[in-house]
C-alpha atoms as a PDB file:
ATOM      1  CA  MET A   1     103.867 115.494 113.601  1.00  0.00           C
ATOM      2  CA  VAL A   2     102.579 116.689 110.328  1.00  0.00           C
ATOM      3  CA  THR A   3     100.633 114.777 108.460  1.00  0.00           C
ATOM      4  CA  PRO A   4      97.896 114.974 105.935  1.00  0.00           C
ATOM      5  CA  ARG A   5      95.190 113.251 107.429  1.00  0.00           C
ATOM      6  CA  PHE A   6      94.463 112.261 110.845  1.00  0.00           C
ATOM      7  CA  LEU A   7      91.402 111.046 112.904  1.00  0.00           C
ATOM      8  CA  PRO A   8      89.029 110.424 112.151  1.00  0.00           C
ATOM      9  CA  SER A   9      90.359 109.556 108.957  1.00  0.00           C
ATOM     10  CA  THR A  10      91.013 106.392 108.330  1.00  0.00           C
ATOM     11  CA  GLY A  11      94.545 104.858 106.378  1.00  0.00           C
ATOM     12  CA  GLY A  12      97.958 103.387 107.628  1.00  0.00           C
ATOM     13  CA  VAL A  13      99.775 106.799 108.156  1.00  0.00           C
ATOM     14  CA  GLU A  14      96.807 108.226 110.316  1.00  0.00           C
ATOM     15  CA  THR A  15      96.604 104.592 112.883  1.00  0.00           C
ATOM     16  CA  HIS A  16     100.459 104.960 112.690  1.00  0.00           C
ATOM     17  CA  VAL A  17     100.433 108.746 113.443  1.00  0.00           C
ATOM     18  CA  ALA A  18      97.639 107.928 116.465  1.00  0.00           C
ATOM     19  CA  GLU A  19      99.650 104.966 118.029  1.00  0.00           C
ATOM     20  CA  VAL A  20     103.314 106.719 118.156  1.00  0.00           C
ATOM     21  CA  ALA A  21     101.959 110.334 119.347  1.00  0.00           C
ATOM     22  CA  ARG A  22     100.087 108.713 122.136  1.00  0.00           C
ATOM     23  CA  ARG A  23     102.671 107.111 123.481  1.00  0.00           C
ATOM     24  CA  LEU A  24     105.271 109.542 123.033  1.00  0.00           C
ATOM     25  CA  ALA A  25     102.968 111.866 124.989  1.00  0.00           C
ATOM     26  CA  ARG A  26     102.445 109.221 127.521  1.00  0.00           C
ATOM     27  CA  ALA A  27     106.093 109.095 128.207  1.00  0.00           C
ATOM     28  CA  GLY A  28     106.073 112.758 128.609  1.00  0.00           C
ATOM     29  CA  HIS A  29     107.270 114.237 125.598  1.00  0.00           C
ATOM     30  CA  ASP A  30     105.284 117.326 124.161  1.00  0.00           C
ATOM     31  CA  VAL A  31     103.389 116.275 120.504  1.00  0.00           C
ATOM     32  CA  THR A  32     101.007 118.312 118.296  1.00  0.00           C
ATOM     33  CA  VAL A  33      99.859 116.151 115.500  1.00  0.00           C
ATOM     34  CA  LEU A  34      99.205 119.548 112.435  1.00  0.00           C
ATOM     35  CA  THR A  35      96.820 117.759 109.559  1.00  0.00           C
ATOM     36  CA  THR A  36      94.310 119.295 107.282  1.00  0.00           C
ATOM     37  CA  ASP A  37      90.749 119.822 107.691  1.00  0.00           C
ATOM     38  CA  VAL A  38      89.141 119.366 103.655  1.00  0.00           C
ATOM     39  CA  SER A  39      86.023 119.591 104.925  1.00  0.00           C
ATOM     40  CA  GLY A  40      85.949 122.303 107.123  1.00  0.00           C
ATOM     41  CA  GLN A  41      83.855 120.811 109.737  1.00  0.00           C
ATOM     42  CA  LEU A  42      86.617 119.520 112.322  1.00  0.00           C
ATOM     43  CA  PRO A  43      87.767 121.634 114.727  1.00  0.00           C
ATOM     44  CA  ALA A  44      90.909 123.945 115.108  1.00  0.00           C
ATOM     45  CA  ALA A  45      91.618 122.981 117.657  1.00  0.00           C
ATOM     46  CA  ASP A  46      91.596 119.406 119.530  1.00  0.00           C
ATOM     47  CA  ARG A  47      93.071 117.601 122.023  1.00  0.00           C
ATOM     48  CA  TRP A  48      93.469 113.808 122.097  1.00  0.00           C
ATOM     49  CA  ASN A  49      94.869 111.229 124.397  1.00  0.00           C
ATOM     50  CA  ASP A  50      97.150 114.031 125.642  1.00  0.00           C
ATOM     51  CA  VAL A  51      98.270 115.010 121.958  1.00  0.00           C
ATOM     52  CA  GLU A  52      97.373 118.477 120.613  1.00  0.00           C
ATOM     53  CA  ILE A  53      95.661 118.340 117.495  1.00  0.00           C
ATOM     54  CA  ARG A  54      95.705 121.261 115.118  1.00  0.00           C
ATOM     55  CA  ARG A  55      93.817 121.550 111.833  1.00  0.00           C
ATOM     56  CA  VAL A  56      94.709 123.819 108.823  1.00  0.00           C
ATOM     57  CA  PRO A  57      92.326 124.280 105.913  1.00  0.00           C
ATOM     58  CA  ALA A  58      92.993 122.399 102.953  1.00  0.00           C
ATOM     59  CA  TRP A  59      91.821 122.396  99.218  1.00  0.00           C
ATOM     60  CA  PRO A  60      90.160 120.834  97.278  1.00  0.00           C
ATOM     61  CA  ARG A  61      88.355 119.068  99.268  1.00  0.00           C
ATOM     62  CA  LYS A  62      87.749 115.846  96.420  1.00  0.00           C
ATOM     63  CA  ALA A  63      91.015 115.570  95.775  1.00  0.00           C
ATOM     64  CA  ASP A  64      94.146 114.284  97.870  1.00  0.00           C
ATOM     65  CA  TYR A  65      96.636 117.183  96.739  1.00  0.00           C
ATOM     66  CA  HIS A  66      96.062 118.992 100.107  1.00  0.00           C
ATOM     67  CA  VAL A  67      97.491 122.778  99.191  1.00  0.00           C
ATOM     68  CA  ALA A  68      97.532 124.258 102.813  1.00  0.00           C
ATOM     69  CA  PRO A  69      99.313 126.919 103.118  1.00  0.00           C
ATOM     70  CA  GLY A  70      98.437 127.399 107.143  1.00  0.00           C
ATOM     71  CA  VAL A  71     100.762 124.772 107.560  1.00  0.00           C
ATOM     72  CA  VAL A  72     103.597 127.099 107.112  1.00  0.00           C
ATOM     73  CA  ARG A  73     102.138 129.507 109.015  1.00  0.00           C
ATOM     74  CA  ALA A  74     101.803 127.102 111.947  1.00  0.00           C
ATOM     75  CA  ILE A  75     105.285 125.464 111.716  1.00  0.00           C
ATOM     76  CA  ARG A  76     106.753 129.177 111.771  1.00  0.00           C
ATOM     77  CA  ARG A  77     104.864 130.217 114.635  1.00  0.00           C
ATOM     78  CA  GLY A  78     105.642 127.275 117.157  1.00  0.00           C
ATOM     79  CA  SER A  79     108.759 126.574 119.205  1.00  0.00           C
ATOM     80  CA  TRP A  80     109.467 123.017 118.389  1.00  0.00           C
ATOM     81  CA  ASP A  81     112.391 121.188 118.660  1.00  0.00           C
ATOM     82  CA  VAL A  82     111.665 118.699 116.040  1.00  0.00           C
ATOM     83  CA  VAL A  83     109.195 118.274 113.215  1.00  0.00           C
ATOM     84  CA  HIS A  84     108.229 114.781 111.893  1.00  0.00           C
ATOM     85  CA  VAL A  85     106.797 114.882 108.197  1.00  0.00           C
ATOM     86  CA  GLN A  86     104.940 111.855 107.933  1.00  0.00           C
ATOM     87  CA  SER A  87     104.284 110.851 104.127  1.00  0.00           C
ATOM     88  CA  TYR A  88     105.732 112.803 100.869  1.00  0.00           C
ATOM     89  CA  HIS A  89     102.948 112.181  98.504  1.00  0.00           C
ATOM     90  CA  THR A  90     100.833 115.854  98.975  1.00  0.00           C
ATOM     91  CA  LEU A  91     101.718 119.315  98.852  1.00  0.00           C
ATOM     92  CA  VAL A  92     101.905 119.063 102.458  1.00  0.00           C
ATOM     93  CA  ALA A  93     105.256 117.712 103.051  1.00  0.00           C
ATOM     94  CA  PRO A  94     107.680 120.658 100.655  1.00  0.00           C
ATOM     95  CA  LEU A  95     105.469 122.851 102.996  1.00  0.00           C
ATOM     96  CA  ALA A  96     106.299 121.401 106.253  1.00  0.00           C
ATOM     97  CA  MET A  97     109.961 120.730 105.348  1.00  0.00           C
ATOM     98  CA  ALA A  98     110.505 124.176 103.525  1.00  0.00           C
ATOM     99  CA  SER A  99     108.969 125.714 106.735  1.00  0.00           C
ATOM    100  CA  ALA A 100     111.353 123.743 109.514  1.00  0.00           C
ATOM    101  CA  TRP A 101     114.232 124.192 107.150  1.00  0.00           C
ATOM    102  CA  SER A 102     113.682 128.304 107.277  1.00  0.00           C
ATOM    103  CA  ARG A 103     113.881 128.233 111.014  1.00  0.00           C
ATOM    104  CA  SER A 104     116.510 126.065 111.515  1.00  0.00           C
ATOM    105  CA  ILE A 105     114.323 123.566 113.059  1.00  0.00           C
ATOM    106  CA  PRO A 106     115.530 119.564 112.414  1.00  0.00           C
ATOM    107  CA  TYR A 107     113.422 117.770 110.706  1.00  0.00           C
ATOM    108  CA  VAL A 108     112.647 114.235 109.930  1.00  0.00           C
ATOM    109  CA  VAL A 109     110.456 112.661 107.306  1.00  0.00           C
ATOM    110  CA  THR A 110     108.767 109.227 107.180  1.00  0.00           C
ATOM    111  CA  PHE A 111     108.354 108.354 103.533  1.00  0.00           C
ATOM    112  CA  HIS A 112     105.266 105.681 104.160  1.00  0.00           C
ATOM    113  CA  GLY A 113     105.410 104.912 100.438  1.00  0.00           C
ATOM    114  CA  GLY A 114     102.327 104.075  98.665  1.00  0.00           C
ATOM    115  CA  GLY A 115     100.192 103.218  95.897  1.00  0.00           C
ATOM    116  CA  HIS A 116      97.540 105.459  94.236  1.00  0.00           C
ATOM    117  CA  SER A 117      94.580 104.297  91.797  1.00  0.00           C
ATOM    118  CA  SER A 118      95.597 107.060  88.845  1.00  0.00           C
ATOM    119  CA  ARG A 119      98.177 106.044  86.819  1.00  0.00           C
ATOM    120  CA  VAL A 120      99.411 108.983  86.199  1.00  0.00           C
ATOM    121  CA  ARG A 121     100.115 109.895  90.129  1.00  0.00           C
ATOM    122  CA  ASN A 122     102.259 106.325  90.181  1.00  0.00           C
ATOM    123  CA  ALA A 123     103.851 107.644  86.879  1.00  0.00           C
ATOM    124  CA  LEU A 124     104.898 110.860  88.558  1.00  0.00           C
ATOM    125  CA  ARG A 125     106.127 109.706  91.876  1.00  0.00           C
ATOM    126  CA  ARG A 126     109.790 109.232  90.206  1.00  0.00           C
ATOM    127  CA  PRO A 127     109.877 112.963  89.174  1.00  0.00           C
ATOM    128  CA  GLN A 128     108.498 113.965  92.669  1.00  0.00           C
ATOM    129  CA  LEU A 129     110.766 112.593  94.457  1.00  0.00           C
ATOM    130  CA  ALA A 130     113.183 114.333  92.442  1.00  0.00           C
ATOM    131  CA  LEU A 131     111.716 117.692  92.671  1.00  0.00           C
ATOM    132  CA  LEU A 132     111.692 117.138  96.463  1.00  0.00           C
ATOM    133  CA  ARG A 133     115.300 115.969  96.641  1.00  0.00           C
ATOM    134  CA  PRO A 134     116.822 118.765  97.517  1.00  0.00           C
ATOM    135  CA  LEU A 135     114.542 119.529 101.065  1.00  0.00           C
ATOM    136  CA  LEU A 136     114.239 115.341 101.653  1.00  0.00           C
ATOM    137  CA  ALA A 137     118.745 115.652 101.550  1.00  0.00           C
ATOM    138  CA  HIS A 138     118.621 118.369 103.860  1.00  0.00           C
ATOM    139  CA  ALA A 139     116.535 116.083 106.637  1.00  0.00           C
ATOM    140  CA  ALA A 140     117.881 115.252 109.537  1.00  0.00           C
ATOM    141  CA  ARG A 141     117.029 111.418 109.118  1.00  0.00           C
ATOM    142  CA  LEU A 142     114.580 109.683 106.710  1.00  0.00           C
ATOM    143  CA  VAL A 143     112.898 106.863 108.237  1.00  0.00           C
ATOM    144  CA  ALA A 144     111.884 104.126 106.771  1.00  0.00           C
ATOM    145  CA  ILE A 145     109.366 101.422 108.031  1.00  0.00           C
ATOM    146  CA  ALA A 146     110.454  98.422 105.572  1.00  0.00           C
ATOM    147  CA  ALA A 147     113.757  97.339 105.166  1.00  0.00           C
ATOM    148  CA  PHE A 148     113.272  97.595 101.179  1.00  0.00           C
ATOM    149  CA  GLU A 149     112.855 100.974 101.529  1.00  0.00           C
ATOM    150  CA  ILE A 150     115.959 102.084 102.262  1.00  0.00           C
ATOM    151  CA  ASP A 151     117.858 100.821  99.030  1.00  0.00           C
ATOM    152  CA  HIS A 152     114.807 101.973  97.150  1.00  0.00           C
ATOM    153  CA  TYR A 153     114.798 105.923  98.175  1.00  0.00           C
ATOM    154  CA  ALA A 154     118.912 105.707  98.302  1.00  0.00           C
ATOM    155  CA  ALA A 155     119.036 104.966  94.679  1.00  0.00           C
ATOM    156  CA  ARG A 156     116.098 106.935  93.829  1.00  0.00           C
ATOM    157  CA  LEU A 157     117.379 110.104  95.778  1.00  0.00           C
ATOM    158  CA  ARG A 158     120.866 109.438  95.330  1.00  0.00           C
ATOM    159  CA  LEU A 159     121.525 109.525  99.342  1.00  0.00           C
ATOM    160  CA  PRO A 160     123.883 107.570 101.182  1.00  0.00           C
ATOM    161  CA  HIS A 161     122.329 104.471 102.918  1.00  0.00           C
ATOM    162  CA  ASP A 162     123.326 105.843 106.647  1.00  0.00           C
ATOM    163  CA  ARG A 163     120.824 108.869 106.025  1.00  0.00           C
ATOM    164  CA  PHE A 164     118.309 106.290 106.695  1.00  0.00           C
ATOM    165  CA  VAL A 165     116.866 104.572 109.809  1.00  0.00           C
ATOM    166  CA  LEU A 166     114.738 101.380 110.010  1.00  0.00           C
ATOM    167  CA  ILE A 167     111.780 101.926 112.776  1.00  0.00           C
ATOM    168  CA  PRO A 168     109.041  99.722 111.929  1.00  0.00           C
ATOM    169  CA  ASN A 169     105.347  99.796 112.445  1.00  0.00           C
ATOM    170  CA  GLY A 170     104.524  97.843 115.505  1.00  0.00           C
ATOM    171  CA  ALA A 171     102.055  94.886 115.263  1.00  0.00           C
ATOM    172  CA  ASP A 172     100.809  94.357 118.579  1.00  0.00           C
ATOM    173  CA  LEU A 173      97.292  94.708 119.331  1.00  0.00           C
ATOM    174  CA  PRO A 174      94.899  96.390 122.395  1.00  0.00           C
ATOM    175  CA  ALA A 175      94.549  94.476 125.034  1.00  0.00           C
ATOM    176  CA  GLY A 176      91.682  92.230 125.256  1.00  0.00           C
ATOM    177  CA  VAL A 177      91.261  90.398 121.734  1.00  0.00           C
ATOM    178  CA  PRO A 178      90.399  86.658 121.840  1.00  0.00           C
ATOM    179  CA  SER A 179      92.913  84.313 121.023  1.00  0.00           C
ATOM    180  CA  ARG A 180      93.268  82.850 117.807  1.00  0.00           C
ATOM    181  CA  ARG A 181      90.833  80.345 117.129  1.00  0.00           C
ATOM    182  CA  THR A 182      90.925  77.173 114.427  1.00  0.00           C
ATOM    183  CA  GLY A 183      88.560  75.426 111.968  1.00  0.00           C
ATOM    184  CA  LEU A 184      86.570  78.643 111.649  1.00  0.00           C
ATOM    185  CA  GLU A 185      83.260  77.882 109.725  1.00  0.00           C
ATOM    186  CA  PRO A 186      82.160  79.081 107.499  1.00  0.00           C
ATOM    187  CA  PRO A 187      85.334  80.152 106.163  1.00  0.00           C
ATOM    188  CA  LEU A 188      85.634  83.889 105.616  1.00  0.00           C
ATOM    189  CA  ILE A 189      88.345  86.023 103.716  1.00  0.00           C
ATOM    190  CA  ALA A 190      88.592  89.064 104.609  1.00  0.00           C
ATOM    191  CA  SER A 191      89.856  91.879 102.217  1.00  0.00           C
ATOM    192  CA  VAL A 192      91.454  94.759 104.012  1.00  0.00           C
ATOM    193  CA  GLY A 193      92.168  98.314 102.984  1.00  0.00           C
ATOM    194  CA  ARG A 194      90.710 101.617 101.715  1.00  0.00           C
ATOM    195  CA  LEU A 195      88.629 101.314  98.889  1.00  0.00           C
ATOM    196  CA  GLU A 196      90.865 102.202  96.135  1.00  0.00           C
ATOM    197  CA  ARG A 197      91.462 100.763  92.549  1.00  0.00           C
ATOM    198  CA  TYR A 198      95.313  99.901  93.511  1.00  0.00           C
ATOM    199  CA  LYS A 199      94.603  98.275  97.027  1.00  0.00           C
ATOM    200  CA  GLY A 200      93.323  95.261  94.430  1.00  0.00           C
ATOM    201  CA  HIS A 201      90.128  94.553  96.551  1.00  0.00           C
ATOM    202  CA  GLN A 202      88.432  93.656  93.071  1.00  0.00           C
ATOM    203  CA  HIS A 203      90.756  90.836  92.332  1.00  0.00           C
ATOM    204  CA  VAL A 204      89.570  88.727  95.023  1.00  0.00           C
ATOM    205  CA  VAL A 205      85.786  89.451  94.766  1.00  0.00           C
ATOM    206  CA  SER A 206      87.235  88.085  90.998  1.00  0.00           C
ATOM    207  CA  ALA A 207      88.548  85.240  92.475  1.00  0.00           C
ATOM    208  CA  LEU A 208      85.351  84.275  94.817  1.00  0.00           C
ATOM    209  CA  PRO A 209      83.531  82.102  92.205  1.00  0.00           C
ATOM    210  CA  HIS A 210      86.205  80.425  92.111  1.00  0.00           C
ATOM    211  CA  ILE A 211      86.417  79.740  95.865  1.00  0.00           C
ATOM    212  CA  LEU A 212      82.600  78.832  96.272  1.00  0.00           C
ATOM    213  CA  GLU A 213      83.370  76.176  93.827  1.00  0.00           C
ATOM    214  CA  GLN A 214      85.425  74.485  96.344  1.00  0.00           C
ATOM    215  CA  ARG A 215      83.706  76.281  99.895  1.00  0.00           C
ATOM    216  CA  PRO A 216      80.236  77.321  98.599  1.00  0.00           C
ATOM    217  CA  ASN A 217      79.508  78.629 102.205  1.00  0.00           C
ATOM    218  CA  ALA A 218      82.931  80.977 102.305  1.00  0.00           C
ATOM    219  CA  ARG A 219      81.972  84.500 102.415  1.00  0.00           C
ATOM    220  CA  LEU A 220      84.068  87.164 101.864  1.00  0.00           C
ATOM    221  CA  TRP A 221      84.086  90.935 103.772  1.00  0.00           C
ATOM    222  CA  ILE A 222      85.997  93.938 102.431  1.00  0.00           C
ATOM    223  CA  ALA A 223      86.858  96.100 105.746  1.00  0.00           C
ATOM    224  CA  GLY A 224      86.977  99.199 104.166  1.00  0.00           C
ATOM    225  CA  SER A 225      85.896 102.410 102.830  1.00  0.00           C
ATOM    226  CA  GLY A 226      86.113 104.758  99.994  1.00  0.00           C
ATOM    227  CA  PRO A 227      85.633 105.454  96.542  1.00  0.00           C
ATOM    228  CA  TYR A 228      85.474 102.413  94.461  1.00  0.00           C
ATOM    229  CA  ARG A 229      82.674 101.067  96.681  1.00  0.00           C
ATOM    230  CA  SER A 230      79.998 100.721  93.866  1.00  0.00           C
ATOM    231  CA  GLU A 231      82.521  99.639  91.487  1.00  0.00           C
ATOM    232  CA  LEU A 232      83.300  96.384  93.771  1.00  0.00           C
ATOM    233  CA  LEU A 233      79.628  95.852  94.464  1.00  0.00           C
ATOM    234  CA  ALA A 234      78.970  96.026  90.715  1.00  0.00           C
ATOM    235  CA  LEU A 235      81.422  93.520  90.004  1.00  0.00           C
ATOM    236  CA  ALA A 236      79.826  91.063  93.034  1.00  0.00           C
ATOM    237  CA  ARG A 237      76.356  91.905  90.841  1.00  0.00           C
ATOM    238  CA  ARG A 238      78.069  90.782  87.737  1.00  0.00           C
ATOM    239  CA  LEU A 239      79.892  87.317  89.076  1.00  0.00           C
ATOM    240  CA  GLY A 240      76.721  86.363  90.721  1.00  0.00           C
ATOM    241  CA  VAL A 241      78.235  86.460  94.465  1.00  0.00           C
ATOM    242  CA  GLU A 242      76.854  90.132  95.452  1.00  0.00           C
ATOM    243  CA  GLU A 243      74.601  87.598  98.451  1.00  0.00           C
ATOM    244  CA  ARG A 244      78.484  86.212  99.439  1.00  0.00           C
ATOM    245  CA  VAL A 245      80.247  89.709 100.066  1.00  0.00           C
ATOM    246  CA  GLU A 246      79.962  92.636 102.383  1.00  0.00           C
ATOM    247  CA  VAL A 247      81.188  96.165 102.322  1.00  0.00           C
ATOM    248  CA  ARG A 248      82.222  97.081 105.797  1.00  0.00           C
ATOM    249  CA  ALA A 249      83.887  99.239 107.464  1.00  0.00           C
ATOM    250  CA  VAL A 250      85.787  99.326 111.233  1.00  0.00           C
ATOM    251  CA  ALA A 251      85.252 102.697 112.898  1.00  0.00           C
ATOM    252  CA  ALA A 252      88.237 105.270 112.270  1.00  0.00           C
ATOM    253  CA  GLY A 253      91.176 104.669 114.965  1.00  0.00           C
ATOM    254  CA  ASP A 254      89.190 101.398 116.791  1.00  0.00           C
ATOM    255  CA  ARG A 255      92.022  99.103 116.809  1.00  0.00           C
ATOM    256  CA  ALA A 256      90.275  96.512 119.185  1.00  0.00           C
ATOM    257  CA  ALA A 257      87.025  96.167 117.189  1.00  0.00           C
ATOM    258  CA  MET A 258      89.289  95.749 113.870  1.00  0.00           C
ATOM    259  CA  ALA A 259      91.495  93.409 115.958  1.00  0.00           C
ATOM    260  CA  LYS A 260      88.361  91.187 117.184  1.00  0.00           C
ATOM    261  CA  GLU A 261      87.047  91.135 113.577  1.00  0.00           C
ATOM    262  CA  LEU A 262      90.872  90.143 112.157  1.00  0.00           C
ATOM    263  CA  GLU A 263      90.456  87.260 114.788  1.00  0.00           C
ATOM    264  CA  ARG A 264      87.377  85.733 112.619  1.00  0.00           C
ATOM    265  CA  ALA A 265      88.541  85.526 109.403  1.00  0.00           C
ATOM    266  CA  SER A 266      89.957  82.164 108.017  1.00  0.00           C
ATOM    267  CA  VAL A 267      92.211  84.136 105.556  1.00  0.00           C
ATOM    268  CA  VAL A 268      93.380  88.144 105.253  1.00  0.00           C
ATOM    269  CA  VAL A 269      93.921  88.922 101.545  1.00  0.00           C
ATOM    270  CA  LEU A 270      96.192  91.864 100.575  1.00  0.00           C
ATOM    271  CA  ALA A 271      95.967  91.784  96.742  1.00  0.00           C
ATOM    272  CA  SER A 272      97.805  95.992  96.630  1.00  0.00           C
ATOM    273  CA  GLU A 273      99.916  97.140  94.012  1.00  0.00           C
ATOM    274  CA  PHE A 274     101.956  98.865  96.406  1.00  0.00           C
ATOM    275  CA  GLU A 275     102.634  98.663 100.340  1.00  0.00           C
ATOM    276  CA  THR A 276     105.266  99.407 102.563  1.00  0.00           C
ATOM    277  CA  HIS A 277     104.460  97.795 105.860  1.00  0.00           C
ATOM    278  CA  PRO A 278     100.746  97.176 105.479  1.00  0.00           C
ATOM    279  CA  LEU A 279      99.528  97.137 109.580  1.00  0.00           C
ATOM    280  CA  ALA A 280      96.729  94.895 108.058  1.00  0.00           C
ATOM    281  CA  ALA A 281      98.799  91.891 107.239  1.00  0.00           C
ATOM    282  CA  ILE A 282     101.336  92.208 110.613  1.00  0.00           C
ATOM    283  CA  GLU A 283      98.220  92.353 112.725  1.00  0.00           C
ATOM    284  CA  ALA A 284      96.744  89.539 111.246  1.00  0.00           C
ATOM    285  CA  ALA A 285     100.249  87.834 111.723  1.00  0.00           C
ATOM    286  CA  ALA A 286     100.398  88.911 114.650  1.00  0.00           C
ATOM    287  CA  LEU A 287      97.140  87.004 115.626  1.00  0.00           C
ATOM    288  CA  GLY A 288      98.415  84.081 113.759  1.00  0.00           C
ATOM    289  CA  CYS A 289      96.008  84.238 110.664  1.00  0.00           C
ATOM    290  CA  PRO A 290      96.727  83.050 107.114  1.00  0.00           C
ATOM    291  CA  VAL A 291      97.570  85.903 105.021  1.00  0.00           C
ATOM    292  CA  VAL A 292      98.054  86.016 101.357  1.00  0.00           C
ATOM    293  CA  VAL A 293      99.796  88.645  99.703  1.00  0.00           C
ATOM    294  CA  ALA A 294     100.570  90.463  96.230  1.00  0.00           C
ATOM    295  CA  ASP A 295     104.232  89.225  95.515  1.00  0.00           C
ATOM    296  CA  THR A 296     105.548  93.016  95.114  1.00  0.00           C
ATOM    297  CA  SER A 297     106.864  95.763  97.924  1.00  0.00           C
ATOM    298  CA  GLY A 298     106.433  95.290 100.857  1.00  0.00           C
ATOM    299  CA  LEU A 299     103.641  92.652 100.776  1.00  0.00           C
ATOM    300  CA  ARG A 300     106.858  90.577  99.367  1.00  0.00           C
ATOM    301  CA  GLU A 301     108.820  91.482 101.973  1.00  0.00           C
ATOM    302  CA  LEU A 302     106.519  89.739 104.564  1.00  0.00           C
ATOM    303  CA  ALA A 303     106.537  86.618 102.534  1.00  0.00           C
ATOM    304  CA  ASP A 304     110.147  86.260 102.632  1.00  0.00           C
ATOM    305  CA  ARG A 305     110.078  86.797 106.711  1.00  0.00           C
ATOM    306  CA  GLY A 306     107.550  83.618 106.389  1.00  0.00           C
ATOM    307  CA  LEU A 307     104.611  86.211 107.696  1.00  0.00           C
ATOM    308  CA  ALA A 308     102.322  85.848 104.366  1.00  0.00           C
ATOM    309  CA  ARG A 309     101.811  83.658 101.113  1.00  0.00           C
ATOM    310  CA  ALA A 310     102.739  85.200  98.002  1.00  0.00           C
ATOM    311  CA  VAL A 311     100.744  85.045  95.070  1.00  0.00           C
ATOM    312  CA  ALA A 312     102.484  85.656  92.219  1.00  0.00           C
ATOM    313  CA  ASP A 313      99.889  87.103  89.930  1.00  0.00           C
ATOM    314  CA  VAL A 314      96.869  87.963  92.154  1.00  0.00           C
ATOM    315  CA  THR A 315      95.098  89.288  88.570  1.00  0.00           C
ATOM    316  CA  ASP A 316      94.952  85.373  87.714  1.00  0.00           C
ATOM    317  CA  SER A 317      91.396  84.998  89.379  1.00  0.00           C
ATOM    318  CA  GLU A 318      92.060  80.990  89.719  1.00  0.00           C
ATOM    319  CA  GLN A 319      95.724  81.453  91.017  1.00  0.00           C
ATOM    320  CA  LEU A 320      94.666  83.661  93.796  1.00  0.00           C
ATOM    321  CA  ALA A 321      91.855  81.315  94.626  1.00  0.00           C
ATOM    322  CA  ARG A 322      93.860  78.489  94.610  1.00  0.00           C
ATOM    323  CA  ALA A 323      96.057  80.266  97.544  1.00  0.00           C
ATOM    324  CA  VAL A 324      93.163  81.354  99.524  1.00  0.00           C
ATOM    325  CA  LEU A 325      91.601  77.788  98.874  1.00  0.00           C
ATOM    326  CA  GLU A 326      94.938  76.269 100.417  1.00  0.00           C
ATOM    327  CA  GLU A 327      95.264  78.813 103.203  1.00  0.00           C
ATOM    328  CA  ILE A 328      91.278  77.572 104.369  1.00  0.00           C
ATOM    329  CA  GLU A 329      92.194  73.808 103.873  1.00  0.00           C
ATOM    330  CA  ARG A 330      96.153  73.484 105.554  1.00  0.00           C
ATOM    331  CA  PRO A 331      96.614  77.141 107.458  1.00  0.00           C
ATOM    332  CA  GLN A 332     100.504  77.921 108.004  1.00  0.00           C
ATOM    333  CA  THR A 333     100.466  79.931 111.042  1.00  0.00           C
ATOM    334  CA  PRO A 334     102.780  83.432 110.794  1.00  0.00           C
ATOM    335  CA  PRO A 335     105.525  82.926 113.148  1.00  0.00           C
ATOM    336  CA  ALA A 336     104.670  85.742 115.941  1.00  0.00           C
ATOM    337  CA  ASP A 337     107.819  86.349 117.111  1.00  0.00           C
ATOM    338  CA  GLY A 338     110.231  89.002 114.967  1.00  0.00           C
ATOM    339  CA  LEU A 339     107.108  91.918 115.213  1.00  0.00           C
ATOM    340  CA  ALA A 340     107.698  95.357 116.246  1.00  0.00           C
ATOM    341  CA  THR A 341     105.788  96.395 119.288  1.00  0.00           C
ATOM    342  CA  TRP A 342     104.124 100.319 118.591  1.00  0.00           C
ATOM    343  CA  ASP A 343     105.951 100.749 121.821  1.00  0.00           C
ATOM    344  CA  GLU A 344     109.361 100.086 120.792  1.00  0.00           C
ATOM    345  CA  CYS A 345     108.016 101.724 117.415  1.00  0.00           C
ATOM    346  CA  ALA A 346     107.796 105.212 119.746  1.00  0.00           C
ATOM    347  CA  SER A 347     110.781 104.423 121.709  1.00  0.00           C
ATOM    348  CA  GLY A 348     113.148 104.473 118.495  1.00  0.00           C
ATOM    349  CA  LEU A 349     111.079 107.740 117.158  1.00  0.00           C
ATOM    350  CA  ALA A 350     112.172 109.690 120.393  1.00  0.00           C
ATOM    351  CA  GLU A 351     115.661 108.228 120.762  1.00  0.00           C
ATOM    352  CA  LEU A 352     115.906 109.807 117.131  1.00  0.00           C
ATOM    353  CA  TYR A 353     114.442 113.447 117.629  1.00  0.00           C
ATOM    354  CA  ALA A 354     116.658 113.455 120.693  1.00  0.00           C
ATOM    355  CA  ALA A 355     119.270 112.614 118.689  1.00  0.00           C
ATOM    356  CA  VAL A 356     118.331 115.424 115.668  1.00  0.00           C
ATOM    357  CA  ALA A 357     117.326 117.963 118.486  1.00  0.00           C
ATOM    358  CA  GLY A 358     120.508 118.269 120.439  1.00  0.00           C
ATOM    359  CA  PRO A 359     121.431 117.880 123.683  1.00  0.00           C
ATOM    360  CA  SER A 360     119.032 120.583 125.281  1.00  0.00           C
ATOM    361  CA  THR A 361     115.922 118.766 124.246  1.00  0.00           C
END
């Protein structure tokens, strides 16, 4: 599995790779995660839950382009049956795909489509996909983690739908997580995600004064880390709600700790501009926690399935506040059935690998 970032970095892609890789290894598959290290401080070779980790240097340190020529050497020198490219947004993906193609190794690609704080980077998504089309068209399969991605990428890439396979993220939580409680007081609102502008935490902070008018004891926990922290705290100060806002991340890879934190929340909010199949939302839904989301991309898909309440315009602080308050006062418990598990996700990938690698694998 080739991924731009892996543990101890945090994020949806990192969690996805960690959850499926360890399950595949536990099932007897020989799994290597090939990733990058922009810090230069992590071990080049490591082992985690029976998964081999290989890290190659990447540049620049303060950007996410991930120029990593070591990816080419690692793929060309290995004896891989399948290369699984996770996420297409950085320069890691074309290097991995081209290297596998040059060695006639079958490869599959999971898009993990997401937003970006840079409007320029978002605008470049379409030409980026156009440039990647020859490599993506040569992939043995293209993996979608949300149903809307199949129509979206099939149209953008001008590829038939039968080139795609749907394998959603898992929603199950680690054993030992407490059961859902009702009537949580004081109300805790959790805004979950990396601290980037496009994640929309600022909209939840802007809604907080309106929420406090009705529920003066409410608190907001912004669960994440990242470069937008100072801007969020400054906004809370300007709005006079700083004492009601906590910005704190949970340790990378500690799913049990995150689940226990989410279990304490009265409402979980995802006001992101773009999400594919957000783990925070589906894990909150699995806990029975009310979820409020922006009416966009994969978040809309969750709302259509009854797993969340969609807000048409999360930039309208009063509209967002009303939705949050309604979920605090009259919570709608999301249906737990129909959510995929990580075991099912890993099994689906194992079947896919066997199909594309051939009968000898």
